[in-house]
Amino acid sequence: MDNPFKKIINNEKLPESVKGKVMEDVDIIKLSLDIADLFMIKYPDTLTDILNLKDKDE
């Protein structure tokens, strides 16, 4: 894929279509990071906390 930023002349504004595509890509990356954080860090921590509370009650 060609780099769309190389097609832009320094004095011109960035086309809205390119801005939109970049923002969509950033949003997808943020969503991926949030999902990974949820399932790789927060969910196991929650399970560990629950199991530790159950062990303390016994």
N, C-alpha and C. Protein backbone atom coordinates (compact mmCIF):
# COMPACT_ATOMS: atom_id res chain seq x y z
N MET A 1 0.85 -1.18 0.00
CA MET A 1 0.00 0.00 0.00
C MET A 1 0.89 1.24 0.00
N ASP A 2 0.56 2.20 -0.83
CA ASP A 2 1.31 3.45 -0.90
C ASP A 2 1.02 4.32 0.31
N ASN A 3 2.03 5.06 0.71
CA ASN A 3 1.87 5.98 1.82
C ASN A 3 1.12 7.22 1.32
N PRO A 4 -0.12 7.46 1.80
CA PRO A 4 -0.88 8.61 1.31
C PRO A 4 -0.28 9.95 1.70
N PHE A 5 0.54 9.97 2.75
CA PHE A 5 1.13 11.23 3.19
C PHE A 5 2.21 11.72 2.23
N LYS A 6 2.82 10.81 1.47
CA LYS A 6 3.85 11.22 0.50
C LYS A 6 3.23 11.91 -0.70
N LYS A 7 1.93 11.71 -0.93
CA LYS A 7 1.23 12.33 -2.05
C LYS A 7 0.84 13.78 -1.75
N ILE A 8 0.92 14.18 -0.50
CA ILE A 8 0.46 15.50 -0.09
C ILE A 8 1.61 16.50 -0.24
N ILE A 9 1.33 17.62 -0.86
CA ILE A 9 2.31 18.69 -0.97
C ILE A 9 2.29 19.46 0.35
N ASN A 10 3.44 19.94 0.77
CA ASN A 10 3.56 20.59 2.08
C ASN A 10 2.60 21.75 2.28
N ASN A 11 2.24 22.46 1.24
CA ASN A 11 1.39 23.64 1.38
C ASN A 11 -0.09 23.32 1.34
N GLU A 12 -0.45 22.10 1.06
CA GLU A 12 -1.86 21.75 0.95
C GLU A 12 -2.36 21.15 2.25
N LYS A 13 -3.68 21.23 2.41
CA LYS A 13 -4.32 20.61 3.57
C LYS A 13 -4.47 19.12 3.32
N LEU A 14 -4.57 18.40 4.40
CA LEU A 14 -4.78 16.96 4.33
C LEU A 14 -6.22 16.69 3.88
N PRO A 15 -6.41 15.83 2.89
CA PRO A 15 -7.78 15.53 2.45
C PRO A 15 -8.59 14.87 3.58
N GLU A 16 -9.86 15.17 3.62
CA GLU A 16 -10.73 14.62 4.67
C GLU A 16 -10.80 13.10 4.62
N SER A 17 -10.71 12.53 3.43
CA SER A 17 -10.78 11.07 3.32
C SER A 17 -9.58 10.41 4.00
N VAL A 18 -8.42 11.02 3.88
CA VAL A 18 -7.23 10.47 4.52
C VAL A 18 -7.32 10.67 6.03
N LYS A 19 -7.80 11.83 6.46
CA LYS A 19 -7.98 12.08 7.89
C LYS A 19 -8.92 11.03 8.49
N GLY A 20 -10.02 10.77 7.78
CA GLY A 20 -10.99 9.80 8.26
C GLY A 20 -10.40 8.41 8.36
N LYS A 21 -9.62 8.01 7.37
CA LYS A 21 -9.00 6.69 7.38
C LYS A 21 -8.01 6.55 8.53
N VAL A 22 -7.21 7.59 8.75
CA VAL A 22 -6.24 7.55 9.84
C VAL A 22 -6.96 7.45 11.18
N MET A 23 -8.01 8.23 11.36
CA MET A 23 -8.74 8.20 12.63
C MET A 23 -9.42 6.85 12.84
N GLU A 24 -9.93 6.23 11.78
CA GLU A 24 -10.52 4.90 11.90
C GLU A 24 -9.47 3.89 12.33
N ASP A 25 -8.28 3.98 11.75
CA ASP A 25 -7.20 3.07 12.12
C ASP A 25 -6.79 3.26 13.58
N VAL A 26 -6.74 4.50 14.03
CA VAL A 26 -6.40 4.78 15.43
C VAL A 26 -7.47 4.21 16.35
N ASP A 27 -8.73 4.37 15.98
CA ASP A 27 -9.82 3.83 16.79
C ASP A 27 -9.77 2.31 16.88
N ILE A 28 -9.43 1.66 15.78
CA ILE A 28 -9.33 0.20 15.77
C ILE A 28 -8.18 -0.26 16.68
N ILE A 29 -7.07 0.46 16.64
CA ILE A 29 -5.94 0.11 17.50
C ILE A 29 -6.30 0.30 18.97
N LYS A 30 -6.98 1.41 19.29
CA LYS A 30 -7.41 1.65 20.68
C LYS A 30 -8.36 0.56 21.15
N LEU A 31 -9.31 0.17 20.30
CA LEU A 31 -10.25 -0.88 20.66
C LEU A 31 -9.53 -2.20 20.90
N SER A 32 -8.58 -2.52 20.05
CA SER A 32 -7.80 -3.76 20.22
C SER A 32 -7.04 -3.76 21.54
N LEU A 33 -6.44 -2.63 21.88
CA LEU A 33 -5.72 -2.53 23.14
C LEU A 33 -6.65 -2.65 24.34
N ASP A 34 -7.83 -2.05 24.26
CA ASP A 34 -8.81 -2.15 25.35
C ASP A 34 -9.28 -3.59 25.53
N ILE A 35 -9.54 -4.28 24.44
CA ILE A 35 -9.99 -5.67 24.52
C ILE A 35 -8.89 -6.55 25.09
N ALA A 36 -7.66 -6.35 24.63
CA ALA A 36 -6.53 -7.13 25.16
C ALA A 36 -6.35 -6.87 26.64
N ASP A 37 -6.46 -5.61 27.06
CA ASP A 37 -6.33 -5.27 28.47
C ASP A 37 -7.42 -5.94 29.29
N LEU A 38 -8.63 -5.96 28.77
CA LEU A 38 -9.74 -6.58 29.49
C LEU A 38 -9.52 -8.06 29.72
N PHE A 39 -9.15 -8.78 28.66
CA PHE A 39 -9.07 -10.23 28.77
C PHE A 39 -7.71 -10.73 29.25
N MET A 40 -6.66 -9.95 29.11
CA MET A 40 -5.34 -10.42 29.51
C MET A 40 -4.95 -9.95 30.92
N ILE A 41 -5.53 -8.87 31.38
CA ILE A 41 -5.11 -8.32 32.68
C ILE A 41 -6.28 -8.25 33.66
N LYS A 42 -7.34 -7.56 33.30
CA LYS A 42 -8.42 -7.31 34.25
C LYS A 42 -9.21 -8.57 34.59
N TYR A 43 -9.53 -9.39 33.59
CA TYR A 43 -10.33 -10.59 33.84
C TYR A 43 -9.57 -11.58 34.74
N PRO A 44 -8.30 -11.90 34.44
CA PRO A 44 -7.58 -12.81 35.35
C PRO A 44 -7.41 -12.24 36.75
N ASP A 45 -7.18 -10.93 36.86
CA ASP A 45 -7.06 -10.31 38.19
C ASP A 45 -8.36 -10.46 38.97
N THR A 46 -9.48 -10.27 38.30
CA THR A 46 -10.78 -10.42 38.96
C THR A 46 -11.00 -11.84 39.43
N LEU A 47 -10.67 -12.81 38.59
CA LEU A 47 -10.82 -14.21 38.99
C LEU A 47 -9.92 -14.54 40.19
N THR A 48 -8.71 -14.04 40.17
CA THR A 48 -7.79 -14.27 41.29
C THR A 48 -8.35 -13.66 42.57
N ASP A 49 -8.86 -12.46 42.49
CA ASP A 49 -9.45 -11.82 43.67
C ASP A 49 -10.63 -12.62 44.20
N ILE A 50 -11.49 -13.09 43.32
CA ILE A 50 -12.66 -13.87 43.74
C ILE A 50 -12.23 -15.17 44.41
N LEU A 51 -11.27 -15.86 43.81
CA LEU A 51 -10.81 -17.13 44.38
C LEU A 51 -10.11 -16.90 45.71
N ASN A 52 -9.38 -15.82 45.86
CA ASN A 52 -8.73 -15.53 47.14
C ASN A 52 -9.76 -15.21 48.21
N LEU A 53 -10.83 -14.52 47.88
CA LEU A 53 -11.88 -14.25 48.86
C LEU A 53 -12.57 -15.54 49.29
N LYS A 54 -12.75 -16.45 48.35
CA LYS A 54 -13.40 -17.72 48.67
C LYS A 54 -12.50 -18.53 49.61
N ASP A 55 -11.19 -18.51 49.38
CA ASP A 55 -10.26 -19.23 50.24
C ASP A 55 -10.24 -18.65 51.65
N LYS A 56 -10.36 -17.33 51.79
CA LYS A 56 -10.36 -16.69 53.10
C LYS A 56 -11.61 -17.05 53.90
N ASP A 57 -12.74 -17.24 53.21
CA ASP A 57 -13.98 -17.58 53.89
C ASP A 57 -13.92 -19.00 54.47
N GLU A 58 -13.20 -19.87 53.84
CA GLU A 58 -13.12 -21.27 54.31
C GLU A 58 -12.17 -21.32 55.46
